[in-house]
């Protein structure tokens, strides 16, 4: 069946949405629950309603834009992502998945196609976590991994509450977020946020699973000393923290699975006390983010970090505490839906490969409750969460066509 999907129209929509919160360097600052977020939501609503959809909004602000299906017994086949951005974000992270879903709805509407199952486009609230932490609150609470109350009570750095800001911008709905567990399937198209596809010269990543993640908080406690005092006998927390931080990369690269996959690890935050130029610090705090596709290797990375910390603490006369902060298990995506994405890429003749996601997405939380999968398209240099984030119209259209094929194969087209 000829479905009038339009790559140029998708690209134009991406550029129009990017003007809301556009930055001088060509990126976007459309953080969650701001007036700009509200403006972007209203634009999406107008576009989707013009394509024959009705909208419901739940109590966390998740937008559900639905086109009815023929079979009343079928649950919706859902797809989407998020419109919120980082403070210095790009035009495509999250937005591509939402607007590709919109283009699918537009094309189906224009062709007068009827599906057996309803089609539902979802814009999840606060995927980025830039203003309110943690990320992926809308999908996490909808899937029952957070409570509504704890999400609504979260505060931004200025002390403004999530629930109050959601109400202020007019996007606190009355639907139960648990409605989003009552779907048949969920697909999410996203830029890779890495350079594997670009380097391989491929246009589609068939995402099979999400890596397991464990985050740690490390506190090193020593003793303050004047910068002019002799080096011998110092219990310098910084000089103990430094080799442990350096070891994090070493431990990740050495954690190679049977499939040849190394670990990933990042030290992203660090604080120093008393933070004076001429005092060796008595306390250092830093974060460690570890990720792996093999749960045993992920656990081994944690064990190695703790062992290295103990060795350094004994040698330096300091105390080092390594505390687990957060864990997300390795999450496989639904094999049937993964197969549909793979089959779509093959049928359309689009170069593709199987791959994991090392980054959290709404689809990862959704996959814990309902069948879900992801589709990646390349981004230049793997650059994301950056105003320089860039993709080509051809990559966007390839992602759109694979998404549409897999979604319609799942929802079923009614003939006659």
Protein backbone atom coordinates (compact mmCIF):
# COMPACT_ATOMS: atom_id res chain seq x y z
CA UNK A 1 0.00 0.00 0.00
CA UNK A 2 1.31 3.45 -0.92
CA UNK A 3 1.69 5.56 2.22
CA UNK A 4 2.65 9.19 1.51
CA UNK A 5 5.43 9.53 4.07
CA UNK A 6 7.30 12.77 3.46
CA UNK A 7 10.91 13.11 4.48
CA UNK A 8 10.96 16.81 3.52
CA UNK A 9 7.87 17.50 5.62
CA UNK A 10 9.47 15.71 8.58
CA UNK A 11 12.59 17.84 8.15
CA UNK A 12 10.56 21.04 7.93
CA UNK A 13 8.73 20.08 11.13
CA UNK A 14 12.04 19.45 12.89
CA UNK A 15 13.28 22.88 11.87
CA UNK A 16 10.04 24.58 12.92
CA UNK A 17 10.08 22.92 16.34
CA UNK A 18 13.77 23.88 16.70
CA UNK A 19 12.84 27.55 16.50
CA UNK A 20 11.09 27.19 19.87
CA UNK A 21 13.97 27.68 22.28
CA UNK A 22 16.49 28.03 19.47
CA UNK A 23 19.96 29.13 20.58
CA UNK A 24 22.46 31.43 18.80
CA UNK A 25 24.73 28.43 18.11
CA UNK A 26 21.97 26.53 16.33
CA UNK A 27 20.82 24.28 19.16
CA UNK A 28 17.80 24.26 21.47
CA UNK A 29 17.12 25.21 25.08
CA UNK A 30 13.60 23.92 25.66
CA UNK A 31 13.86 22.51 29.15
CA UNK A 32 11.01 20.63 30.71
CA UNK A 33 8.05 22.49 32.25
CA UNK A 34 9.18 25.88 30.98
CA UNK A 35 7.08 28.25 28.89
CA UNK A 36 9.06 27.10 25.84
CA UNK A 37 8.23 23.47 26.62
CA UNK A 38 4.57 24.46 26.74
CA UNK A 39 4.88 26.23 23.38
CA UNK A 40 6.40 23.14 21.79
CA UNK A 41 3.66 20.95 23.24
CA UNK A 42 0.95 23.22 21.84
CA UNK A 43 2.53 23.07 18.38
CA UNK A 44 2.61 19.26 18.52
CA UNK A 45 -1.01 19.20 19.66
CA UNK A 46 -2.12 21.39 16.75
CA UNK A 47 -0.24 19.29 14.23
CA UNK A 48 -1.55 15.96 15.60
CA UNK A 49 -5.16 17.13 15.86
CA UNK A 50 -4.98 18.29 12.24
CA UNK A 51 -3.99 14.69 11.42
CA UNK A 52 -7.15 13.31 13.00
CA UNK A 53 -5.85 12.55 16.47
CA UNK A 54 -7.43 13.17 19.85
CA UNK A 55 -5.31 14.11 22.85
CA UNK A 56 -5.24 13.01 26.46
CA UNK A 57 -2.74 14.29 29.01
CA UNK A 58 -2.01 12.44 32.22
CA UNK A 59 -1.31 13.86 35.68
CA UNK A 60 2.44 13.98 34.93
CA UNK A 61 2.04 15.83 31.64
CA UNK A 62 2.66 12.85 29.34
CA UNK A 63 0.86 13.58 26.05
CA UNK A 64 -1.09 10.76 24.34
CA UNK A 65 -2.19 11.62 20.79
CA UNK A 66 -4.34 8.80 19.44
CA UNK A 67 -5.83 7.80 16.10
CA UNK A 68 -8.57 5.15 16.51
CA UNK A 69 -8.34 1.64 15.09
CA UNK A 70 -10.99 -0.67 13.66
CA UNK A 71 -10.74 -3.43 16.29
CA UNK A 72 -12.12 -2.27 19.69
CA UNK A 73 -10.39 -5.20 21.42
CA UNK A 74 -6.90 -4.07 20.34
CA UNK A 75 -4.72 -1.95 22.59
CA UNK A 76 -2.85 1.00 21.04
CA UNK A 77 0.43 0.52 19.23
CA UNK A 78 2.44 3.43 20.60
CA UNK A 79 5.53 5.28 19.45
CA UNK A 80 7.24 8.53 20.39
CA UNK A 81 9.97 10.10 22.50
CA UNK A 82 10.36 13.56 24.10
CA UNK A 83 10.38 17.25 23.20
CA UNK A 84 12.34 18.57 26.20
CA UNK A 85 16.03 19.37 25.72
CA UNK A 86 19.22 20.04 27.62
CA UNK A 87 20.11 23.71 28.32
CA UNK A 88 22.55 23.55 25.40
CA UNK A 89 20.85 20.74 23.51
CA UNK A 90 20.45 19.96 19.84
CA UNK A 91 17.53 19.86 17.43
CA UNK A 92 17.13 16.09 17.18
CA UNK A 93 17.61 14.28 20.51
CA UNK A 94 14.13 13.00 21.34
CA UNK A 95 12.42 15.38 18.94
CA UNK A 96 13.15 13.14 15.95
CA UNK A 97 11.18 10.28 17.51
CA UNK A 98 8.19 12.50 18.27
CA UNK A 99 8.02 14.20 14.89
CA UNK A 100 8.69 11.02 12.89
CA UNK A 101 5.70 9.58 14.75
CA UNK A 102 3.71 12.67 13.79
CA UNK A 103 4.69 12.22 10.13
CA UNK A 104 3.46 8.62 10.26
CA UNK A 105 0.10 9.83 11.59
CA UNK A 106 -0.10 12.54 8.93
CA UNK A 107 0.60 10.08 6.12
CA UNK A 108 -1.90 7.51 7.36
CA UNK A 109 -4.53 10.24 7.76
CA UNK A 110 -3.94 11.64 4.28
CA UNK A 111 -4.11 8.20 2.68
CA UNK A 112 -7.30 7.34 4.55
CA UNK A 113 -5.69 4.20 5.91
CA UNK A 114 -7.42 2.38 8.73
CA UNK A 115 -5.43 0.25 11.14
CA UNK A 116 -6.76 -2.61 13.22
CA UNK A 117 -5.15 -1.31 16.42
CA UNK A 118 -5.22 2.36 17.46
CA UNK A 119 -2.04 4.35 16.83
CA UNK A 120 -0.73 6.46 19.71
CA UNK A 121 2.00 9.11 19.62
CA UNK A 122 3.52 9.78 23.06
CA UNK A 123 5.49 12.83 24.18
CA UNK A 124 7.01 11.83 27.53
CA UNK A 125 7.56 14.46 30.22
CA UNK A 126 11.07 15.24 31.47
CA UNK A 127 13.14 12.64 29.68
CA UNK A 128 16.29 14.73 29.96
CA UNK A 129 16.34 15.39 33.69
CA UNK A 130 18.18 18.65 33.04
CA UNK A 131 15.93 20.79 35.23
CA UNK A 132 14.30 18.15 37.46
CA UNK A 133 16.35 15.08 38.34
CA UNK A 134 16.33 12.12 37.76
CA UNK A 135 15.72 11.81 34.02
CA UNK A 136 12.90 9.83 32.38
CA UNK A 137 10.41 10.77 35.11
CA UNK A 138 7.32 10.69 32.91
CA UNK A 139 7.94 7.20 31.56
CA UNK A 140 9.33 5.90 34.85
CA UNK A 141 6.27 6.94 36.83
CA UNK A 142 3.88 5.77 34.10
CA UNK A 143 5.49 2.34 34.27
CA UNK A 144 5.24 2.29 38.07
CA UNK A 145 8.96 2.66 38.75
CA UNK A 146 8.43 6.00 40.55
CA UNK A 147 5.35 7.17 42.39
CA UNK A 148 3.37 10.15 41.15
CA UNK A 149 3.83 11.83 44.52
CA UNK A 150 7.62 11.69 44.46
CA UNK A 151 7.77 13.03 40.91
CA UNK A 152 5.36 15.90 41.60
CA UNK A 153 7.38 16.86 44.70
CA UNK A 154 10.76 17.07 42.91
CA UNK A 155 12.39 20.50 42.94
CA UNK A 156 14.59 22.24 40.43
CA UNK A 157 17.75 24.14 41.52
CA UNK A 158 15.61 27.22 42.24
CA UNK A 159 13.32 25.27 44.56
CA UNK A 160 10.35 25.20 42.18
CA UNK A 161 8.26 22.03 42.43
CA UNK A 162 7.59 19.81 39.46
CA UNK A 163 3.84 19.62 40.14
CA UNK A 164 3.47 23.38 40.54
CA UNK A 165 5.40 24.11 37.36
CA UNK A 166 3.42 21.49 35.43
CA UNK A 167 0.20 23.19 36.52
CA UNK A 168 1.61 26.68 35.86
CA UNK A 169 2.31 25.95 32.20
CA UNK A 170 -1.12 24.31 31.83
CA UNK A 171 -0.05 20.74 31.12
CA UNK A 172 -1.14 18.84 34.22
CA UNK A 173 -3.87 16.58 32.83
CA UNK A 174 -6.35 14.32 34.58
CA UNK A 175 -5.61 10.95 32.97
CA UNK A 176 -4.02 8.15 35.00
CA UNK A 177 -0.36 7.66 33.94
CA UNK A 178 -0.93 3.90 34.27
CA UNK A 179 -2.92 4.09 31.01
CA UNK A 180 0.44 4.02 29.28
CA UNK A 181 1.03 0.50 30.59
CA UNK A 182 -2.09 -0.61 28.73
CA UNK A 183 -0.53 -0.56 25.26
CA UNK A 184 0.22 -3.40 22.88
CA UNK A 185 3.69 -2.27 21.85
CA UNK A 186 6.01 0.74 21.91
CA UNK A 187 8.57 1.88 19.31
CA UNK A 188 11.06 4.73 19.75
CA UNK A 189 13.19 6.26 17.00
CA UNK A 190 16.21 8.16 18.30
CA UNK A 191 19.56 9.45 17.15
CA UNK A 192 22.34 7.08 18.19
CA UNK A 193 24.28 9.56 20.37
CA UNK A 194 27.38 7.65 19.34
CA UNK A 195 29.37 7.23 16.13
CA UNK A 196 29.14 3.48 15.46
CA UNK A 197 26.57 3.75 12.65
CA UNK A 198 28.32 6.66 10.97
CA UNK A 199 31.69 4.90 11.08
CA UNK A 200 30.14 1.73 9.68
CA UNK A 201 28.39 3.63 6.89
CA UNK A 202 24.99 2.33 8.01
CA UNK A 203 21.69 4.19 8.25
CA UNK A 204 19.78 2.19 10.88
CA UNK A 205 20.61 0.63 14.23
CA UNK A 206 18.32 -2.21 15.29
CA UNK A 207 18.48 -1.83 19.07
CA UNK A 208 18.36 -5.22 20.79
CA UNK A 209 18.90 -4.28 24.44
CA UNK A 210 19.93 -1.60 26.92
CA UNK A 211 23.16 -2.00 28.84
CA UNK A 212 23.02 -2.56 32.57
CA UNK A 213 24.10 0.45 34.63
CA UNK A 214 25.38 0.90 38.17
CA UNK A 215 26.21 4.33 39.56
CA UNK A 216 28.40 4.87 42.62
CA UNK A 217 29.25 7.75 44.94
CA UNK A 218 32.78 7.78 46.33
CA UNK A 219 33.93 9.72 49.38
CA UNK A 220 37.64 10.01 50.17
CA UNK A 221 38.45 11.34 53.67
CA UNK A 222 41.93 12.39 54.67
CA UNK A 223 43.32 15.34 56.58
CA UNK A 224 43.83 18.98 55.71
CA UNK A 225 47.41 20.26 55.53
CA UNK A 226 48.99 23.58 54.58
CA UNK A 227 50.28 23.69 51.01
CA UNK A 228 53.69 24.65 52.35
CA UNK A 229 53.99 21.75 54.75
CA UNK A 230 56.31 18.79 53.98
CA UNK A 231 54.84 16.19 51.60
CA UNK A 232 55.85 13.27 53.82
CA UNK A 233 53.08 12.14 56.12
CA UNK A 234 50.28 13.98 54.38
CA UNK A 235 46.86 12.30 54.18
CA UNK A 236 45.87 14.18 51.05
CA UNK A 237 42.40 13.14 49.87
CA UNK A 238 43.03 14.50 46.35
CA UNK A 239 46.18 12.47 45.84
CA UNK A 240 44.22 9.37 46.89
CA UNK A 241 41.25 10.20 44.69
CA UNK A 242 43.36 10.86 41.59
CA UNK A 243 44.71 7.30 41.09
CA UNK A 244 41.27 5.85 41.83
CA UNK A 245 39.68 8.10 39.21
CA UNK A 246 42.36 7.09 36.72
CA UNK A 247 41.71 3.43 37.53
CA UNK A 248 38.05 3.74 36.59
CA UNK A 249 38.90 3.94 32.89
CA UNK A 250 41.40 1.10 33.18
CA UNK A 251 38.86 -1.14 34.93
CA UNK A 252 36.18 -0.45 32.30
CA UNK A 253 38.46 -1.22 29.37
CA UNK A 254 39.64 -4.45 31.01
CA UNK A 255 36.07 -5.69 31.64
CA UNK A 256 35.74 -7.45 28.29
CA UNK A 257 32.84 -9.85 27.82
CA UNK A 258 32.99 -13.16 25.95
CA UNK A 259 31.60 -11.29 22.94
CA UNK A 260 34.55 -8.88 23.06
CA UNK A 261 32.58 -5.94 24.48
CA UNK A 262 34.42 -3.73 27.02
CA UNK A 263 32.74 -1.80 29.80
CA UNK A 264 31.98 1.90 29.90
CA UNK A 265 32.69 4.14 32.88
CA UNK A 266 32.55 7.84 33.61
CA UNK A 267 33.51 10.12 36.48
CA UNK A 268 31.14 13.01 35.90
CA UNK A 269 31.02 15.03 39.12
CA UNK A 270 33.64 15.92 41.74
CA UNK A 271 33.61 18.16 44.79
CA UNK A 272 36.54 19.26 46.94
CA UNK A 273 36.62 20.30 50.61
CA UNK A 274 37.72 22.80 51.81
CA UNK A 275 38.38 23.93 48.22
CA UNK A 276 41.27 26.28 48.93
CA UNK A 277 44.32 26.85 46.73
CA UNK A 278 46.88 26.32 49.50
CA UNK A 279 45.31 23.46 51.47
CA UNK A 280 45.54 19.82 50.56
CA UNK A 281 41.93 18.60 50.70
CA UNK A 282 40.55 16.55 53.55
CA UNK A 283 37.55 15.30 51.58
CA UNK A 284 36.87 14.50 47.95
CA UNK A 285 33.51 13.30 46.64
CA UNK A 286 32.96 12.03 43.11
CA UNK A 287 30.50 10.03 41.05
CA UNK A 288 31.15 6.93 38.95
CA UNK A 289 28.80 5.74 36.21
CA UNK A 290 29.48 2.15 35.04
CA UNK A 291 27.72 0.35 32.16
CA UNK A 292 28.03 -3.07 30.51
CA UNK A 293 26.09 -5.49 28.34
CA UNK A 294 27.15 -8.42 30.53
CA UNK A 295 25.68 -8.28 34.07
CA UNK A 296 28.55 -10.36 35.47
CA UNK A 297 31.09 -7.96 34.00
CA UNK A 298 29.14 -4.98 35.34
CA UNK A 299 29.30 -6.50 38.82
CA UNK A 300 32.99 -7.27 38.39
CA UNK A 301 33.68 -3.63 37.53
CA UNK A 302 32.13 -2.62 40.86
CA UNK A 303 34.21 -5.21 42.70
CA UNK A 304 37.40 -3.97 41.03
CA UNK A 305 36.63 -0.36 41.92
CA UNK A 306 36.07 -1.31 45.57
CA UNK A 307 39.27 -3.40 45.64
CA UNK A 308 41.35 -0.62 44.11
CA UNK A 309 39.84 1.86 46.59
CA UNK A 310 40.84 -0.37 49.53
CA UNK A 311 44.40 -0.67 48.25
CA UNK A 312 44.79 3.07 47.75
CA UNK A 313 43.22 3.86 51.13
CA UNK A 314 45.68 1.57 52.93
CA UNK A 315 48.68 3.01 51.09
CA UNK A 316 47.67 6.64 51.61
CA UNK A 317 46.30 6.47 55.15
CA UNK A 318 42.86 7.72 54.12
CA UNK A 319 39.33 6.34 54.28
CA UNK A 320 37.50 5.62 51.00
CA UNK A 321 33.79 4.71 50.95
CA UNK A 322 32.28 3.43 47.69
CA UNK A 323 28.46 3.44 47.90
CA UNK A 324 26.07 2.21 45.24
CA UNK A 325 23.75 5.08 44.26
CA UNK A 326 21.54 3.60 41.51
CA UNK A 327 21.22 0.46 39.43
CA UNK A 328 19.37 -0.29 36.21
CA UNK A 329 19.45 -3.90 35.04
CA UNK A 330 20.32 -4.98 31.53
CA UNK A 331 17.01 -4.64 29.69
CA UNK A 332 16.31 -6.73 26.59
CA UNK A 333 13.90 -5.32 24.03
CA UNK A 334 11.02 -7.47 22.80
CA UNK A 335 12.33 -10.05 20.31
CA UNK A 336 9.24 -9.88 18.09
CA UNK A 337 9.39 -6.08 17.80
CA UNK A 338 13.15 -6.14 17.25
CA UNK A 339 12.50 -8.61 14.45
CA UNK A 340 9.93 -6.29 12.90
CA UNK A 341 12.42 -3.42 12.87
CA UNK A 342 15.09 -5.66 11.35
CA UNK A 343 12.66 -6.97 8.74
CA UNK A 344 11.56 -3.43 7.89
CA UNK A 345 15.14 -2.32 7.25
CA UNK A 346 15.74 -5.39 5.06
CA UNK A 347 12.49 -4.93 3.14
CA UNK A 348 13.29 -1.27 2.48
CA UNK A 349 16.89 -2.01 1.51
CA UNK A 350 18.31 0.24 4.21
CA UNK A 351 21.80 -0.69 5.52
CA UNK A 352 21.54 -1.63 9.20
CA UNK A 353 23.08 -3.53 12.10
CA UNK A 354 22.08 -4.85 15.50
CA UNK A 355 23.40 -2.88 18.46
CA UNK A 356 22.71 -2.08 22.13
CA UNK A 357 21.98 1.27 23.67
CA UNK A 358 24.35 2.38 26.37
CA UNK A 359 22.16 5.38 27.14
CA UNK A 360 18.90 5.53 29.07
CA UNK A 361 15.74 6.26 27.07
CA UNK A 362 12.02 6.22 27.82
CA UNK A 363 11.80 2.97 25.84
CA UNK A 364 14.08 1.29 28.39
CA UNK A 365 11.62 1.97 31.21
CA UNK A 366 8.65 1.06 29.01
CA UNK A 367 10.31 -2.26 28.14
CA UNK A 368 10.09 -3.33 31.79
CA UNK A 369 6.28 -3.38 31.55
CA UNK A 370 5.24 -3.81 27.91
CA UNK A 371 6.84 -4.99 24.64
CA UNK A 372 9.12 -2.24 23.35
CA UNK A 373 12.07 -1.60 21.09
CA UNK A 374 14.18 1.21 19.63
CA UNK A 375 15.49 2.30 16.24
CA UNK A 376 18.67 4.34 15.92
CA UNK A 377 19.76 6.61 13.08
CA UNK A 378 23.28 8.10 12.90
CA UNK A 379 24.36 11.51 14.14
CA UNK A 380 27.50 13.26 12.95
CA UNK A 381 30.49 12.39 15.10
CA UNK A 382 28.22 10.90 17.74
CA UNK A 383 27.74 14.42 19.12
CA UNK A 384 24.62 14.91 21.25
CA UNK A 385 23.52 17.01 24.25
CA UNK A 386 25.32 19.73 22.34
CA UNK A 387 24.19 22.60 20.12
CA UNK A 388 26.35 21.13 17.35
CA UNK A 389 24.22 17.96 17.23
CA UNK A 390 23.62 17.16 13.55
CA UNK A 391 21.98 14.57 11.29
CA UNK A 392 21.11 14.48 7.60
CA UNK A 393 17.60 14.59 6.13
CA UNK A 394 18.35 11.21 4.56
CA UNK A 395 19.11 9.62 7.93
CA UNK A 396 15.93 11.09 9.38
CA UNK A 397 13.87 9.74 6.49
CA UNK A 398 15.43 6.28 6.76
CA UNK A 399 14.46 6.19 10.44
CA UNK A 400 10.94 7.39 9.60
CA UNK A 401 10.41 4.69 6.97
CA UNK A 402 11.64 1.87 9.19
CA UNK A 403 9.52 3.16 12.09
CA UNK A 404 6.41 3.38 9.91
CA UNK A 405 6.90 -0.07 8.42
CA UNK A 406 7.42 -1.73 11.82
CA UNK A 407 4.52 0.14 13.46
CA UNK A 408 2.03 -0.66 10.70
CA UNK A 409 3.14 -4.29 10.59
CA UNK A 410 2.31 -4.42 14.30
CA UNK A 411 -0.96 -2.46 14.20
CA UNK A 412 -2.24 -4.14 11.03
CA UNK A 413 -3.71 -2.33 8.02
CA UNK A 414 -7.41 -2.95 7.39
CA UNK A 415 -8.10 -3.65 3.72
CA UNK A 416 -11.36 -2.95 1.95
